[in-house]
Amino acid sequence: MPKLLLNIDVPDMAAGIAFYTAAFGLHVGRRFDDDFVELLGLEAPLYLLVKPEGRAIAPAGGDTRRYERHWSPIHPDIVVDDLDAAVSVAVAAGAIVEAPTREAAYGRIAMLADPFGHGFCLIQFNAEGYDALN
């Protein structure tokens, strides 16, 4: 069975570790080197990779890394038990709230960005969760 690994590029490892451990209660699992760290505490491990701003995103090019807020069609949704508390913790760690928390058929959702420009959502499911969308 395939296994999900979540990799997030950051321009500074210390800042990346500080944000993700404070915002989500993660902890360092392994340090592979100064530019590659595993964080644990989610269902899938999260890997922080130091990638300098302006560096090509892949050998074939196509774009360069930038750490101001940018759009990506892929983002993590992190399910929490108490959305208001989770938003407060994430903001205290350096997250930026991008839209007011809103109600959805499946619960409540907050849209944020980390200090490196990556968007993410915090979701508090109601009793039905995504089954409410059927």
Protein backbone atom coordinates (compact mmCIF):
# COMPACT_ATOMS: atom_id res chain seq x y z
CA MET A 1 0.00 0.00 0.00
CA PRO A 2 1.36 3.46 -0.84
CA LYS A 3 2.33 5.70 2.06
CA LEU A 4 1.84 9.47 2.16
CA LEU A 5 4.83 11.63 3.09
CA LEU A 6 4.38 15.39 3.26
CA ASN A 7 7.40 17.49 2.23
CA ILE A 8 7.45 21.23 2.81
CA ASP A 9 10.18 23.51 1.49
CA VAL A 10 11.35 26.22 3.88
CA PRO A 11 14.08 28.84 3.49
CA ASP A 12 15.32 28.40 7.07
CA MET A 13 15.26 25.14 9.06
CA ALA A 14 15.21 26.68 12.53
CA ALA A 15 12.24 28.88 11.59
CA GLY A 16 10.48 25.91 9.98
CA ILE A 17 10.92 23.70 13.02
CA ALA A 18 9.86 26.53 15.33
CA PHE A 19 6.64 27.15 13.38
CA TYR A 20 5.51 23.58 12.78
CA THR A 21 6.28 22.35 16.29
CA ALA A 22 4.56 25.34 17.93
CA ALA A 23 1.59 25.51 15.56
CA PHE A 24 0.72 21.81 15.50
CA GLY A 25 2.47 20.24 18.48
CA LEU A 26 4.79 18.22 16.25
CA HIS A 27 8.20 17.01 17.40
CA VAL A 28 11.45 16.31 15.63
CA GLY A 29 11.75 12.64 14.75
CA ARG A 30 14.99 12.44 12.81
CA ARG A 31 17.52 14.95 11.54
CA PHE A 32 18.98 13.61 8.35
CA ASP A 33 21.24 16.66 8.00
CA ASP A 34 21.01 20.41 8.52
CA ASP A 35 18.67 20.75 5.54
CA PHE A 36 16.36 17.74 6.03
CA VAL A 37 14.30 17.09 9.17
CA GLU A 38 11.42 14.74 9.95
CA LEU A 39 8.57 16.02 12.13
CA LEU A 40 6.17 13.57 13.76
CA GLY A 41 2.75 13.91 15.35
CA LEU A 42 0.40 13.81 12.35
CA GLU A 43 -0.91 10.66 10.67
CA ALA A 44 1.75 11.15 7.99
CA PRO A 45 5.29 12.30 8.72
CA LEU A 46 6.10 15.85 7.70
CA TYR A 47 9.53 16.54 6.24
CA LEU A 48 11.03 20.02 6.17
CA LEU A 49 13.55 20.60 3.40
CA VAL A 50 15.70 23.72 3.21
CA LYS A 51 15.45 25.10 -0.31
CA PRO A 52 16.79 28.61 -0.98
CA GLU A 53 14.46 31.21 -2.43
CA GLY A 54 14.97 31.69 -6.16
CA ARG A 55 16.19 28.12 -6.68
CA ALA A 56 14.56 26.16 -9.52
CA ILE A 57 11.72 23.94 -8.30
CA ALA A 58 13.01 20.99 -10.33
CA PRO A 59 15.95 20.23 -12.63
CA ALA A 60 13.69 20.80 -15.63
CA GLY A 61 12.81 24.26 -14.29
CA GLY A 62 9.40 25.76 -14.89
CA ASP A 63 9.41 28.09 -11.89
CA THR A 64 11.53 29.13 -8.93
CA ARG A 65 10.88 28.85 -5.21
CA ARG A 66 9.45 31.89 -3.53
CA TYR A 67 8.37 32.32 0.03
CA GLU A 68 5.91 35.18 -0.16
CA ARG A 69 2.29 33.97 -0.15
CA HIS A 70 1.69 31.94 -3.29
CA TRP A 71 -1.06 29.69 -4.55
CA SER A 72 -0.64 25.96 -4.85
CA PRO A 73 -3.29 23.47 -5.93
CA ILE A 74 -2.11 21.16 -3.14
CA HIS A 75 -2.28 22.10 0.52
CA PRO A 76 -2.56 20.25 3.82
CA ASP A 77 -5.83 20.13 5.75
CA ILE A 78 -5.22 19.46 9.42
CA VAL A 79 -8.17 18.08 11.38
CA VAL A 80 -8.43 19.39 14.94
CA ASP A 81 -10.80 18.89 17.86
CA ASP A 82 -11.09 22.59 18.79
CA LEU A 83 -10.82 24.89 15.78
CA ASP A 84 -10.78 28.17 17.69
CA ALA A 85 -7.97 26.97 19.95
CA ALA A 86 -6.01 25.54 16.99
CA VAL A 87 -6.30 28.83 15.07
CA SER A 88 -5.09 30.76 18.12
CA VAL A 89 -2.08 28.45 18.55
CA ALA A 90 -1.20 28.60 14.84
CA VAL A 91 -1.45 32.41 14.77
CA ALA A 92 0.69 32.70 17.92
CA ALA A 93 3.28 30.53 16.11
CA GLY A 94 3.28 32.87 13.09
CA ALA A 95 0.44 31.72 10.83
CA ILE A 96 -1.59 34.26 8.90
CA VAL A 97 -5.40 34.00 8.85
CA GLU A 98 -6.51 34.37 5.24
CA ALA A 99 -10.29 34.16 5.70
CA PRO A 100 -12.68 34.20 8.63
CA THR A 101 -13.54 30.82 10.09
CA ARG A 102 -16.68 29.57 8.39
CA GLU A 103 -19.32 26.92 8.83
CA ALA A 104 -19.53 24.10 6.30
CA ALA A 105 -21.83 21.10 5.95
CA TYR A 106 -19.07 18.91 7.42
CA GLY A 107 -18.09 21.23 10.31
CA ARG A 108 -15.97 24.38 10.48
CA ILE A 109 -12.94 25.44 8.46
CA ALA A 110 -10.25 28.11 8.80
CA MET A 111 -7.90 29.07 5.95
CA LEU A 112 -4.38 30.14 6.91
CA ALA A 113 -0.82 30.41 5.57
CA ASP A 114 2.43 29.51 7.27
CA PRO A 115 5.23 32.12 7.55
CA PHE A 116 6.78 30.70 4.34
CA GLY A 117 3.81 31.36 2.04
CA HIS A 118 2.29 27.86 2.10
CA GLY A 119 -1.47 27.72 2.55
CA PHE A 120 -3.17 25.23 4.85
CA CYS A 121 -6.60 24.71 6.39
CA LEU A 122 -7.65 23.72 9.86
CA ILE A 123 -10.87 21.71 9.98
CA GLN A 124 -13.09 20.73 12.89
CA PHE A 125 -15.46 18.03 11.71
CA ASN A 126 -18.99 17.71 13.03
CA ALA A 127 -20.45 14.26 13.77
CA GLU A 128 -21.04 13.55 10.06
CA GLY A 129 -17.73 14.86 8.72
CA TYR A 130 -17.42 14.59 4.96
CA ASP A 131 -20.35 12.13 4.92
CA ALA A 132 -22.54 15.25 5.22
CA LEU A 133 -21.63 16.02 1.61
CA ASN A 134 -23.41 12.91 0.25
